[in-house]
Amino acid sequence: MKKTQTYNYIVGLSLCLTFLMGGCDSILDINKDPFAAGDEQLAEQPGLLMTTVITGVSSDKVMETDVFNRWAQHYVGAGANVFSTADNFSVPTFPQTNTWSTFYVSALKNASRGELLANRNGEVNTAAQFKIIQAFCFYHLTLMFEDVPFTEALDTDILFPNSDSQQTILKGVVTMLDNAMSSINEGDPNKISSEDLLFKGDMNKWKLFANSIKIKVLMVLAEKDSGYAGSRLETAFNSPHVQDLGNEVKLDYYDDLTNANQFYKLHFQFAGGQSLFFYASNPFIDLLRGSNDPRIDIFYDRPSGTSDQVPHRGVAPGSRSAFTVTSVLSLHYISATSPDYWITAAELKFLRAEAILRGWINGTTEDANDYYREGILLNIVHLNNMSTVQASGKGVTVQGFENYNNSLPDLQNLSNANALLAVHQQGYIETFKRGIDAWTYVRRTGYPSNRPLPEDATLSDHITRLPYSPSEISSNPNNPSQKTLDAPMWFMNSN
């Protein structure tokens, strides 16, 4: 992340993925270099910067870091070494190099410049939009790499930025979000609207987004600093945040190849749109089967030749065995129009139930049980609302939901430890196909505690971090020493 690096990144889907797609596609077909444009032009069209930030981050989330879903063991890669080596913790180049570049060189540089120009023009809402996106990026960067440049990251006068500790970064992100939320003036019409691909300039939704990120950050901090996080969590949960399906934060994709979900493009180009690369993971299949979870047919498509008694089969993580009778990742997740979800309503319900049970915020076990039940219902309705699920008729029926809901325990009848396990189980299931959220969940909570190491794992324990980008290591003498890839991050549950 040097000052001399080239910032010649195309607005639109910043991450070209040329190794897979053969070129860049833009969700808005914009083909201008924001850093070639002058400040005057950008001051009149700050949406050009916002577009590249949102689409670049989303592209990385759905494609480059899909491996996080496999490290959470929600599914596994195919056995032909094309995708399965990453399951064994042999980290491919793309998640570390392209992800670092996407977040620092493109997203953060664009967002910080947009904030600077907005402040110069007195546009407080535009500045807040860019500030919230920066906070979102830094939150993800520290969860992927741990200690990274933060306080010096965007200072163009610093050639070799120092990294900050994860604790400093997470607390700094909370401050960034608080400052952004307090500066929003919903009566001020100056804001990014049409190029705001998340909210179309709805500043109330930007506030909901910011406070929801804050809750997620504080839940990570609470593992090690509940004194700092507790009162702030109480305030955040009692303030407006994402609590219903209509306010979920997502980037929509479209039913044409130019503006389609990148994960779909991979399957379209190399598998004719079929699910041939990713399969059911034994640990996750066993978890779903053990509780007769009706969502299993949404997550996976049944292989031919299976019986109604055992409709789904998984494979061990890291396995190179035959996949002919293994359930495949459902085409519900391999669709041109599959949205990229950044915040879900169910996620926040499970976090609130957990915070109560952990004693981080006020509430009774009855309250926790209510949020737990609301989270399950919201997740199932969320899944049923997927267009592909509706078209296939494979959604969870009312009777199926009632049977499942009635089979689950009332948290009030459990010990606190078992109540927490029940919440963690649902929280883990809810993060399916949301890479960084899923991987963070298992690292933060330690659930499932019995996750097996992949076959032929290259590490002695589960992977906890991405290695630093080789280009950053070679160009920045202040880059931290690389820790082993299974060394626990600061935030991780030590129990």
Protein backbone atom coordinates (compact mmCIF):
# COMPACT_ATOMS: atom_id res chain seq x y z
CA MET A 1 0.00 0.00 0.00
CA LYS A 2 2.68 2.48 -1.05
CA LYS A 3 2.08 6.03 -2.17
CA THR A 4 3.81 5.13 -5.43
CA GLN A 5 1.44 2.29 -6.26
CA THR A 6 -0.78 2.69 -9.28
CA TYR A 7 -4.33 3.68 -8.46
CA ASN A 8 -5.46 3.03 -12.00
CA TYR A 9 -8.43 0.89 -11.09
CA ILE A 10 -11.52 0.90 -13.28
CA VAL A 11 -14.75 2.10 -11.69
CA GLY A 12 -17.23 -0.76 -11.64
CA LEU A 13 -16.27 -4.27 -10.64
CA SER A 14 -12.77 -3.34 -9.58
CA LEU A 15 -11.64 -6.92 -9.21
CA CYS A 16 -11.33 -8.17 -12.76
CA LEU A 17 -10.85 -11.86 -11.99
CA THR A 18 -9.21 -12.17 -15.38
CA PHE A 19 -7.91 -15.60 -14.43
CA LEU A 20 -11.54 -16.77 -14.41
CA MET A 21 -13.60 -14.38 -16.43
CA GLY A 22 -11.29 -13.09 -19.10
CA GLY A 23 -12.00 -9.44 -18.40
CA CYS A 24 -13.73 -6.83 -16.33
CA ASP A 25 -17.47 -6.35 -16.18
CA SER A 26 -19.10 -3.25 -14.76
CA ILE A 27 -22.42 -3.34 -13.01
CA LEU A 28 -23.11 0.16 -14.35
CA ASP A 29 -20.90 -0.10 -17.44
CA ILE A 30 -18.82 2.85 -16.26
CA ASN A 31 -15.33 2.85 -17.74
CA LYS A 32 -13.56 5.78 -16.15
CA ASP A 33 -10.55 5.94 -13.88
CA PRO A 34 -11.60 7.97 -10.83
CA PHE A 35 -8.01 8.87 -10.06
CA ALA A 36 -7.49 10.20 -13.56
CA ALA A 37 -10.41 12.52 -13.07
CA GLY A 38 -9.89 15.88 -11.47
CA ASP A 39 -11.27 16.86 -8.09
CA GLU A 40 -13.71 19.22 -9.78
CA GLN A 41 -15.27 16.39 -11.81
CA LEU A 42 -15.41 14.07 -8.80
CA ALA A 43 -16.90 16.77 -6.61
CA GLU A 44 -19.78 16.91 -9.07
CA GLN A 45 -20.04 13.11 -9.40
CA PRO A 46 -18.91 11.49 -6.13
CA GLY A 47 -21.10 8.53 -7.02
CA LEU A 48 -18.37 7.38 -9.42
CA LEU A 49 -16.21 6.66 -6.39
CA MET A 50 -19.02 5.05 -4.41
CA THR A 51 -19.83 2.69 -7.27
CA THR A 52 -16.30 1.33 -7.48
CA VAL A 53 -16.13 0.84 -3.71
CA ILE A 54 -19.40 -1.09 -3.38
CA THR A 55 -18.97 -3.27 -6.46
CA GLY A 56 -15.30 -4.00 -5.75
CA VAL A 57 -15.94 -5.07 -2.17
CA SER A 58 -18.91 -7.19 -3.21
CA SER A 59 -16.99 -8.88 -6.00
CA ASP A 60 -14.30 -9.86 -3.52
CA LYS A 61 -16.86 -11.12 -1.00
CA VAL A 62 -18.72 -13.39 -3.41
CA MET A 63 -15.75 -14.71 -5.38
CA GLU A 64 -12.22 -14.20 -4.06
CA THR A 65 -12.97 -15.06 -0.44
CA ASP A 66 -15.49 -17.83 -1.06
CA VAL A 67 -12.85 -20.05 0.51
CA PHE A 68 -13.98 -18.75 3.92
CA ASN A 69 -17.20 -20.76 3.50
CA ARG A 70 -15.10 -23.89 3.22
CA TRP A 71 -12.96 -22.99 6.22
CA ALA A 72 -16.25 -22.73 8.14
CA GLN A 73 -16.99 -26.22 6.67
CA HIS A 74 -20.36 -25.30 5.22
CA TYR A 75 -19.27 -27.00 2.01
CA VAL A 76 -16.12 -28.38 0.39
CA GLY A 77 -14.29 -27.93 -2.90
CA ALA A 78 -14.27 -30.45 -5.71
CA GLY A 79 -11.80 -33.30 -5.49
CA ALA A 80 -9.80 -32.56 -8.62
CA ASN A 81 -7.42 -30.15 -6.83
CA VAL A 82 -9.04 -27.21 -8.61
CA PHE A 83 -10.71 -25.91 -5.47
CA SER A 84 -10.06 -28.56 -2.82
CA THR A 85 -6.45 -27.60 -2.01
CA ALA A 86 -7.66 -24.45 -0.27
CA ASP A 87 -9.86 -26.64 1.96
CA ASN A 88 -6.63 -28.13 3.30
CA PHE A 89 -5.36 -24.62 4.15
CA SER A 90 -3.02 -24.33 1.17
CA VAL A 91 -3.97 -20.70 0.64
CA PRO A 92 -4.21 -19.69 -3.03
CA THR A 93 -2.74 -16.40 -4.15
CA PHE A 94 -6.00 -14.69 -5.00
CA PRO A 95 -7.62 -14.24 -1.56
CA GLN A 96 -4.50 -12.63 -0.12
CA THR A 97 -3.16 -10.57 -3.02
CA ASN A 98 -6.37 -9.49 -4.75
CA THR A 99 -8.26 -8.98 -1.51
CA TRP A 100 -5.55 -6.75 -0.05
CA SER A 101 -5.50 -4.73 -3.27
CA THR A 102 -9.28 -4.51 -3.53
CA PHE A 103 -9.74 -3.20 0.00
CA TYR A 104 -6.72 -0.92 0.30
CA VAL A 105 -5.76 0.25 -3.17
CA SER A 106 -9.26 0.54 -4.57
CA ALA A 107 -12.01 0.64 -1.93
CA LEU A 108 -10.35 2.57 0.89
CA LYS A 109 -8.49 4.98 -1.38
CA ASN A 110 -11.66 5.76 -3.31
CA ALA A 111 -13.77 6.10 -0.15
CA SER A 112 -11.27 8.31 1.64
CA ARG A 113 -10.95 10.58 -1.36
CA GLY A 114 -14.72 10.77 -1.64
CA GLU A 115 -14.98 11.72 2.04
CA LEU A 116 -12.31 14.39 1.65
CA LEU A 117 -14.04 15.99 -1.33
CA ALA A 118 -17.44 15.79 0.37
CA ASN A 119 -16.13 17.51 3.49
CA ARG A 120 -14.49 20.15 1.34
CA ASN A 121 -17.89 20.88 -0.21
CA GLY A 122 -19.78 20.75 3.09
CA GLU A 123 -21.76 17.64 2.08
CA VAL A 124 -22.08 15.90 5.44
CA ASN A 125 -24.26 13.03 4.22
CA THR A 126 -21.95 12.14 1.35
CA ALA A 127 -18.99 12.21 3.73
CA ALA A 128 -20.87 9.93 6.14
CA GLN A 129 -21.65 7.44 3.39
CA PHE A 130 -17.96 7.18 2.51
CA LYS A 131 -16.95 7.00 6.20
CA ILE A 132 -19.31 4.08 6.89
CA ILE A 133 -17.94 2.16 3.91
CA GLN A 134 -14.40 2.74 5.19
CA ALA A 135 -15.38 1.34 8.59
CA PHE A 136 -16.88 -1.72 6.89
CA CYS A 137 -13.65 -2.28 4.96
CA PHE A 138 -11.35 -1.93 7.99
CA TYR A 139 -13.56 -4.30 9.99
CA HIS A 140 -13.16 -6.95 7.31
CA LEU A 141 -9.44 -6.36 6.84
CA THR A 142 -8.58 -6.97 10.49
CA LEU A 143 -10.77 -10.09 10.56
CA MET A 144 -8.85 -11.43 7.57
CA PHE A 145 -5.26 -10.35 8.39
CA GLU A 146 -5.40 -9.17 12.07
CA ASP A 147 -2.79 -6.36 12.47
CA VAL A 148 -2.99 -4.08 9.43
CA PRO A 149 -2.46 -0.38 8.65
CA PHE A 150 -5.29 1.69 10.11
CA THR A 151 -4.33 4.99 11.73
CA GLU A 152 -1.68 5.65 9.05
CA ALA A 153 -3.36 3.73 6.23
CA LEU A 154 -4.94 6.64 4.37
CA ASP A 155 -2.34 9.32 5.06
CA THR A 156 -0.80 9.96 1.63
CA ASP A 157 2.21 11.61 3.26
CA ILE A 158 3.26 8.34 4.88
CA LEU A 159 5.18 6.14 2.49
CA PHE A 160 5.41 3.03 4.68
CA PRO A 161 2.42 2.87 7.03
CA ASN A 162 2.72 1.03 10.32
CA SER A 163 0.12 -1.53 11.29
CA ASP A 164 -2.15 -1.27 14.32
CA SER A 165 -3.28 -3.94 16.72
CA GLN A 166 -6.62 -5.60 16.15
CA GLN A 167 -7.97 -4.09 19.36
CA THR A 168 -7.01 -0.59 18.19
CA ILE A 169 -8.58 -1.16 14.78
CA LEU A 170 -11.87 -2.52 16.12
CA LYS A 171 -12.26 0.31 18.62
CA GLY A 172 -11.31 2.79 15.92
CA VAL A 173 -14.01 1.37 13.65
CA VAL A 174 -16.58 1.91 16.42
CA THR A 175 -15.48 5.56 16.66
CA MET A 176 -15.68 5.98 12.88
CA LEU A 177 -19.23 4.64 12.87
CA ASP A 178 -20.31 6.83 15.78
CA ASN A 179 -18.89 9.92 14.08
CA ALA A 180 -20.57 9.07 10.79
CA MET A 181 -23.96 8.41 12.35
CA SER A 182 -23.87 11.60 14.41
CA SER A 183 -23.03 13.70 11.34
CA ILE A 184 -25.93 12.50 9.18
CA ASN A 185 -28.53 15.17 8.44
CA GLU A 186 -31.56 13.53 6.88
CA GLY A 187 -32.94 16.93 5.88
CA ASP A 188 -29.88 17.72 3.75
CA PRO A 189 -30.50 16.69 0.10
CA ASN A 190 -26.79 16.56 -0.74
CA LYS A 191 -25.91 12.86 -0.84
CA ILE A 192 -25.10 10.05 -3.23
CA SER A 193 -28.37 8.64 -4.51
CA SER A 194 -28.54 6.96 -7.92
CA GLU A 195 -25.01 5.51 -7.70
CA ASP A 196 -25.65 4.31 -4.13
CA LEU A 197 -26.21 0.67 -5.04
CA LEU A 198 -27.13 -0.28 -1.47
CA PHE A 199 -29.74 2.27 -0.37
CA LYS A 200 -30.29 4.79 -3.19
CA GLY A 201 -29.47 7.65 -0.86
CA ASP A 202 -31.79 6.63 1.99
CA MET A 203 -29.80 8.05 4.91
CA ASN A 204 -32.02 6.33 7.49
CA LYS A 205 -30.92 2.99 6.02
CA TRP A 206 -27.30 4.15 6.12
CA LYS A 207 -27.79 4.71 9.86
CA LEU A 208 -29.27 1.23 10.27
CA PHE A 209 -26.32 -0.20 8.35
CA ALA A 210 -23.76 1.68 10.43
CA ASN A 211 -25.29 0.70 13.77
CA SER A 212 -25.56 -2.92 12.64
CA ILE A 213 -21.86 -2.96 11.73
CA LYS A 214 -21.17 -1.44 15.12
CA ILE A 215 -23.06 -4.26 16.86
CA LYS A 216 -21.02 -6.86 14.96
CA VAL A 217 -17.76 -5.10 15.83
CA LEU A 218 -18.72 -4.84 19.50
CA MET A 219 -19.61 -8.53 19.63
CA VAL A 220 -16.10 -9.30 18.42
CA LEU A 221 -14.59 -6.89 20.96
CA ALA A 222 -16.70 -8.28 23.81
CA GLU A 223 -14.86 -11.59 23.66
CA LYS A 224 -11.77 -9.85 25.07
CA ASP A 225 -12.98 -6.50 26.38
CA SER A 226 -16.54 -6.83 27.66
CA GLY A 227 -16.02 -3.76 29.85
CA TYR A 228 -15.58 -1.60 26.78
CA ALA A 229 -18.21 -3.36 24.68
CA GLY A 230 -21.00 -3.98 27.20
CA SER A 231 -22.55 -0.54 27.65
CA ARG A 232 -21.98 0.27 23.99
CA LEU A 233 -23.72 -2.95 22.97
CA GLU A 234 -26.67 -2.09 25.19
CA THR A 235 -27.01 1.30 23.52
CA ALA A 236 -26.54 -0.11 20.02
CA PHE A 237 -29.12 -2.87 20.42
CA ASN A 238 -31.61 -0.35 21.81
CA SER A 239 -31.03 1.96 18.82
CA PRO A 240 -32.39 1.37 15.30
CA HIS A 241 -30.59 -1.43 13.48
CA VAL A 242 -31.42 -4.09 10.90
CA GLN A 243 -34.27 -6.08 12.45
CA ASP A 244 -36.55 -7.01 9.56
CA LEU A 245 -36.15 -8.46 6.09
CA GLY A 246 -37.01 -5.19 4.36
CA ASN A 247 -33.94 -3.50 5.82
CA GLU A 248 -31.38 -6.21 5.14
CA VAL A 249 -28.25 -4.83 3.49
CA LYS A 250 -27.49 -6.44 0.15
CA LEU A 251 -26.12 -5.74 -3.29
CA ASP A 252 -28.42 -7.03 -6.00
CA TYR A 253 -27.16 -8.67 -9.16
CA TYR A 254 -29.05 -9.05 -12.41
CA ASP A 255 -30.12 -11.69 -14.89
CA ASP A 256 -27.62 -10.84 -17.59
CA LEU A 257 -24.05 -11.99 -17.77
CA THR A 258 -22.58 -8.49 -17.62
CA ASN A 259 -24.16 -7.66 -14.27
CA ALA A 260 -24.49 -11.19 -12.87
CA ASN A 261 -23.13 -12.50 -9.59
CA GLN A 262 -19.44 -13.40 -10.03
CA PHE A 263 -19.90 -16.78 -8.34
CA TYR A 264 -22.46 -17.61 -11.01
CA LYS A 265 -20.12 -16.43 -13.76
CA LEU A 266 -17.53 -18.96 -12.62
CA HIS A 267 -20.05 -21.78 -12.93
CA PHE A 268 -21.47 -20.43 -16.18
CA GLN A 269 -18.08 -20.29 -17.85
CA PHE A 270 -16.59 -23.53 -16.58
CA ALA A 271 -19.59 -25.73 -15.74
CA GLY A 272 -22.39 -24.49 -17.98
CA GLY A 273 -24.17 -23.05 -14.95
CA GLN A 274 -24.25 -26.41 -13.17
CA SER A 275 -23.05 -27.11 -9.63
CA LEU A 276 -19.91 -29.17 -10.19
CA PHE A 277 -17.33 -27.52 -7.97
CA PHE A 278 -18.71 -27.45 -4.40
CA TYR A 279 -20.24 -30.23 -2.33
CA ALA A 280 -21.85 -30.86 1.02
CA SER A 281 -19.51 -31.04 3.99
CA ASN A 282 -19.97 -34.01 6.31
CA PRO A 283 -19.86 -31.97 9.54
CA PHE A 284 -22.54 -29.55 8.36
CA ILE A 285 -24.73 -32.26 6.79
CA ASP A 286 -24.54 -34.23 10.05
CA LEU A 287 -25.56 -31.14 12.04
CA LEU A 288 -28.58 -30.52 9.82
CA ARG A 289 -29.64 -34.16 9.70
CA GLY A 290 -29.26 -34.53 13.45
CA SER A 291 -31.95 -31.92 14.06
CA ASN A 292 -34.14 -32.70 11.02
CA ASP A 293 -33.46 -29.20 9.76
CA PRO A 294 -35.79 -28.44 6.83
CA ARG A 295 -33.31 -25.98 5.31
CA ILE A 296 -31.11 -28.82 4.07
CA ASP A 297 -32.92 -28.95 0.71
CA ILE A 298 -32.33 -25.24 0.24
CA PHE A 299 -28.61 -25.48 0.96
CA TYR A 300 -27.92 -28.59 -1.13
CA ASP A 301 -29.33 -30.40 -4.15
CA ARG A 302 -29.78 -34.14 -3.68
CA PRO A 303 -27.59 -36.49 -5.69
CA SER A 304 -29.25 -39.15 -7.84
CA GLY A 305 -29.70 -42.58 -6.35
CA THR A 306 -30.32 -41.50 -2.76
CA SER A 307 -33.29 -42.62 -0.71
CA ASP A 308 -35.81 -40.56 1.22
CA GLN A 309 -34.35 -42.06 4.40
CA VAL A 310 -30.89 -40.64 3.58
CA PRO A 311 -31.56 -37.98 0.94
CA HIS A 312 -28.26 -36.17 1.35
CA ARG A 313 -24.68 -37.33 1.54
CA GLY A 314 -21.61 -35.29 2.41
CA VAL A 315 -17.88 -35.68 2.05
CA ALA A 316 -15.08 -35.09 4.52
CA PRO A 317 -13.40 -31.66 4.25
CA GLY A 318 -10.24 -31.92 2.22
CA SER A 319 -11.21 -35.26 0.72
CA ARG A 320 -10.04 -36.23 -2.77
CA SER A 321 -12.53 -39.11 -2.96
CA ALA A 322 -15.23 -39.57 -5.57
CA PHE A 323 -18.10 -37.10 -5.40
CA THR A 324 -20.62 -39.00 -7.51
CA VAL A 325 -23.13 -39.61 -4.70
CA THR A 326 -22.48 -36.39 -2.79
CA SER A 327 -25.01 -33.59 -2.44
CA VAL A 328 -23.91 -30.50 -4.35
CA LEU A 329 -24.15 -26.86 -3.34
CA SER A 330 -27.63 -25.90 -4.44
CA LEU A 331 -28.21 -23.94 -7.60
CA HIS A 332 -30.11 -21.54 -5.34
CA TYR A 333 -26.66 -20.11 -4.59
CA ILE A 334 -25.39 -20.35 -8.15
CA SER A 335 -27.74 -17.89 -9.76
CA ALA A 336 -27.06 -14.77 -11.80
CA THR A 337 -29.36 -12.82 -9.49
CA SER A 338 -28.08 -14.15 -6.15
CA PRO A 339 -27.68 -11.05 -3.95
CA ASP A 340 -24.59 -10.43 -1.86
CA TYR A 341 -25.83 -10.00 1.71
CA TRP A 342 -23.82 -7.66 3.94
CA ILE A 343 -26.17 -7.59 6.97
CA THR A 344 -29.14 -9.88 7.68
CA ALA A 345 -31.95 -9.47 10.18
CA ALA A 346 -31.63 -13.00 11.58
CA GLU A 347 -27.92 -12.46 12.26
CA LEU A 348 -28.69 -9.51 14.54
CA LYS A 349 -31.36 -11.49 16.42
CA PHE A 350 -28.94 -14.31 17.21
CA LEU A 351 -26.26 -11.85 18.27
CA ARG A 352 -28.70 -10.18 20.65
CA ALA A 353 -29.75 -13.51 22.17
CA GLU A 354 -26.10 -14.40 22.65
CA ALA A 355 -25.24 -11.03 24.20
CA ILE A 356 -28.00 -11.55 26.79
CA LEU A 357 -26.85 -15.06 27.65
CA ARG A 358 -23.24 -13.90 27.91
CA GLY A 359 -24.26 -11.13 30.31
CA TRP A 360 -23.00 -8.40 28.00
CA ILE A 361 -26.39 -6.66 27.83
CA ASN A 362 -29.51 -6.65 29.97
CA GLY A 363 -32.22 -9.23 29.42
CA THR A 364 -33.68 -12.46 30.70
CA THR A 365 -33.42 -15.96 29.31
CA GLU A 366 -37.00 -15.50 28.17
CA ASP A 367 -35.86 -12.47 26.14
CA ALA A 368 -33.00 -14.48 24.68
CA ASN A 369 -35.42 -17.27 23.75
CA ASP A 370 -37.65 -14.76 21.96
CA TYR A 371 -34.75 -13.38 19.89
CA TYR A 372 -33.56 -16.94 19.19
CA ARG A 373 -37.00 -17.91 17.84
CA GLU A 374 -37.31 -14.68 15.84
CA GLY A 375 -33.91 -15.34 14.27
CA ILE A 376 -34.92 -18.83 13.14
CA LEU A 377 -38.16 -17.58 11.61
CA LEU A 378 -36.45 -14.65 9.88
CA ASN A 379 -33.77 -16.90 8.42
CA ILE A 380 -36.27 -19.39 7.04
CA VAL A 381 -38.43 -16.65 5.53
CA HIS A 382 -35.27 -15.02 4.14
CA LEU A 383 -34.32 -18.30 2.45
CA ASN A 384 -37.86 -18.91 1.19
CA ASN A 385 -37.83 -15.43 -0.37
CA MET A 386 -34.94 -16.34 -2.66
CA SER A 387 -36.34 -16.21 -6.20
CA THR A 388 -34.77 -19.53 -7.13
CA VAL A 389 -36.26 -21.21 -4.06
CA GLN A 390 -39.70 -19.89 -4.96
CA ALA A 391 -39.31 -21.10 -8.54
CA SER A 392 -38.20 -24.58 -7.46
CA GLY A 393 -40.85 -25.07 -4.80
CA LYS A 394 -38.17 -26.33 -2.38
CA GLY A 395 -38.81 -23.81 0.34
CA VAL A 396 -39.69 -24.69 3.91
CA THR A 397 -43.44 -25.21 4.27
CA VAL A 398 -45.47 -23.80 7.15
CA GLN A 399 -45.88 -27.31 8.52
CA GLY A 400 -42.18 -27.99 8.08
CA PHE A 401 -41.32 -24.84 10.00
CA GLU A 402 -43.76 -25.63 12.78
CA ASN A 403 -42.45 -29.18 13.14
CA TYR A 404 -38.88 -27.92 13.31
CA ASN A 405 -39.66 -25.02 15.62
CA ASN A 406 -41.55 -27.30 18.01
CA SER A 407 -38.63 -29.72 18.11
CA LEU A 408 -36.22 -27.06 19.34
CA PRO A 409 -35.65 -26.45 23.04
CA ASP A 410 -37.01 -23.56 25.05
CA LEU A 411 -33.85 -21.82 26.24
CA GLN A 412 -35.48 -21.25 29.62
CA ASN A 413 -35.37 -25.00 30.24
CA LEU A 414 -31.65 -25.29 29.57
CA SER A 415 -28.55 -24.44 31.51
CA ASN A 416 -26.94 -21.21 30.39
CA ALA A 417 -24.15 -23.14 28.67
CA ASN A 418 -26.57 -25.30 26.70
CA ALA A 419 -28.77 -22.33 25.85
CA LEU A 420 -25.71 -20.61 24.43
CA LEU A 421 -24.88 -23.72 22.38
CA ALA A 422 -28.40 -23.70 20.93
CA VAL A 423 -28.02 -20.06 19.90
CA HIS A 424 -24.57 -20.69 18.45
CA GLN A 425 -25.90 -23.58 16.38
CA GLN A 426 -28.53 -21.38 14.78
CA GLY A 427 -26.11 -18.48 14.31
CA TYR A 428 -23.67 -20.81 12.56
CA ILE A 429 -26.34 -22.19 10.24
CA GLU A 430 -27.57 -18.67 9.46
CA THR A 431 -24.18 -17.62 8.07
CA PHE A 432 -24.33 -20.23 5.29
CA LYS A 433 -22.72 -18.91 2.08
CA ARG A 434 -21.66 -15.62 3.69
CA GLY A 435 -17.92 -16.30 3.75
CA ILE A 436 -16.37 -13.77 6.12
CA ASP A 437 -19.35 -13.90 8.49
CA ALA A 438 -19.29 -17.69 8.60
CA TRP A 439 -15.52 -17.93 9.16
CA THR A 440 -15.60 -15.18 11.78
CA TYR A 441 -18.47 -16.90 13.58
CA VAL A 442 -16.60 -20.18 14.09
CA ARG A 443 -13.43 -18.35 15.14
CA ARG A 444 -15.23 -16.05 17.56
CA THR A 445 -17.56 -18.56 19.20
CA GLY A 446 -15.56 -21.76 18.85
CA TYR A 447 -18.71 -23.40 17.48
CA PRO A 448 -18.83 -26.14 16.30
CA SER A 449 -16.21 -27.28 18.77
CA ASN A 450 -15.85 -30.66 17.07
CA ARG A 451 -14.96 -29.48 13.58
CA PRO A 452 -12.50 -32.02 12.19
CA LEU A 453 -9.27 -30.97 10.58
CA PRO A 454 -9.42 -31.46 6.81
CA GLU A 455 -7.72 -34.48 5.36
CA ASP A 456 -4.06 -33.73 4.59
CA ALA A 457 -4.30 -30.37 6.38
CA THR A 458 -1.14 -28.30 6.00
CA LEU A 459 -1.58 -26.83 9.50
CA SER A 460 -1.78 -28.44 12.92
CA ASP A 461 -4.97 -26.53 13.77
CA HIS A 462 -7.75 -24.72 11.88
CA ILE A 463 -6.69 -21.75 9.80
CA THR A 464 -7.28 -18.38 11.47
CA ARG A 465 -5.92 -15.78 9.06
CA LEU A 466 -4.91 -14.92 5.52
CA PRO A 467 -1.20 -14.42 4.90
CA TYR A 468 -0.18 -10.87 4.08
CA SER A 469 -0.02 -9.92 0.43
CA PRO A 470 3.44 -10.69 -0.98
CA SER A 471 3.51 -7.29 -2.69
CA GLU A 472 2.88 -5.56 0.65
CA ILE A 473 5.59 -7.58 2.37
CA SER A 474 8.13 -6.69 -0.33
CA SER A 475 7.21 -3.01 -0.54
CA ASN A 476 6.51 -2.00 3.06
CA PRO A 477 9.37 -2.52 5.55
CA ASN A 478 6.97 -1.72 8.39
CA ASN A 479 4.69 -4.65 7.62
CA PRO A 480 4.33 -6.95 10.66
CA SER A 481 6.03 -10.32 10.77
CA GLN A 482 3.81 -13.06 9.44
CA LYS A 483 2.32 -15.23 12.17
CA THR A 484 1.59 -18.88 11.55
CA LEU A 485 -1.73 -19.26 9.77
CA ASP A 486 -3.27 -21.21 12.67
CA ALA A 487 -2.16 -18.77 15.40
CA PRO A 488 -5.29 -17.43 17.16
CA MET A 489 -6.17 -13.83 16.40
CA TRP A 490 -6.51 -11.44 19.35
CA PHE A 491 -10.33 -11.51 19.22
CA MET A 492 -10.70 -15.28 19.28
CA ASN A 493 -12.42 -17.15 22.11
CA SER A 494 -9.66 -18.66 24.23
CA ASN A 495 -11.94 -21.25 25.86
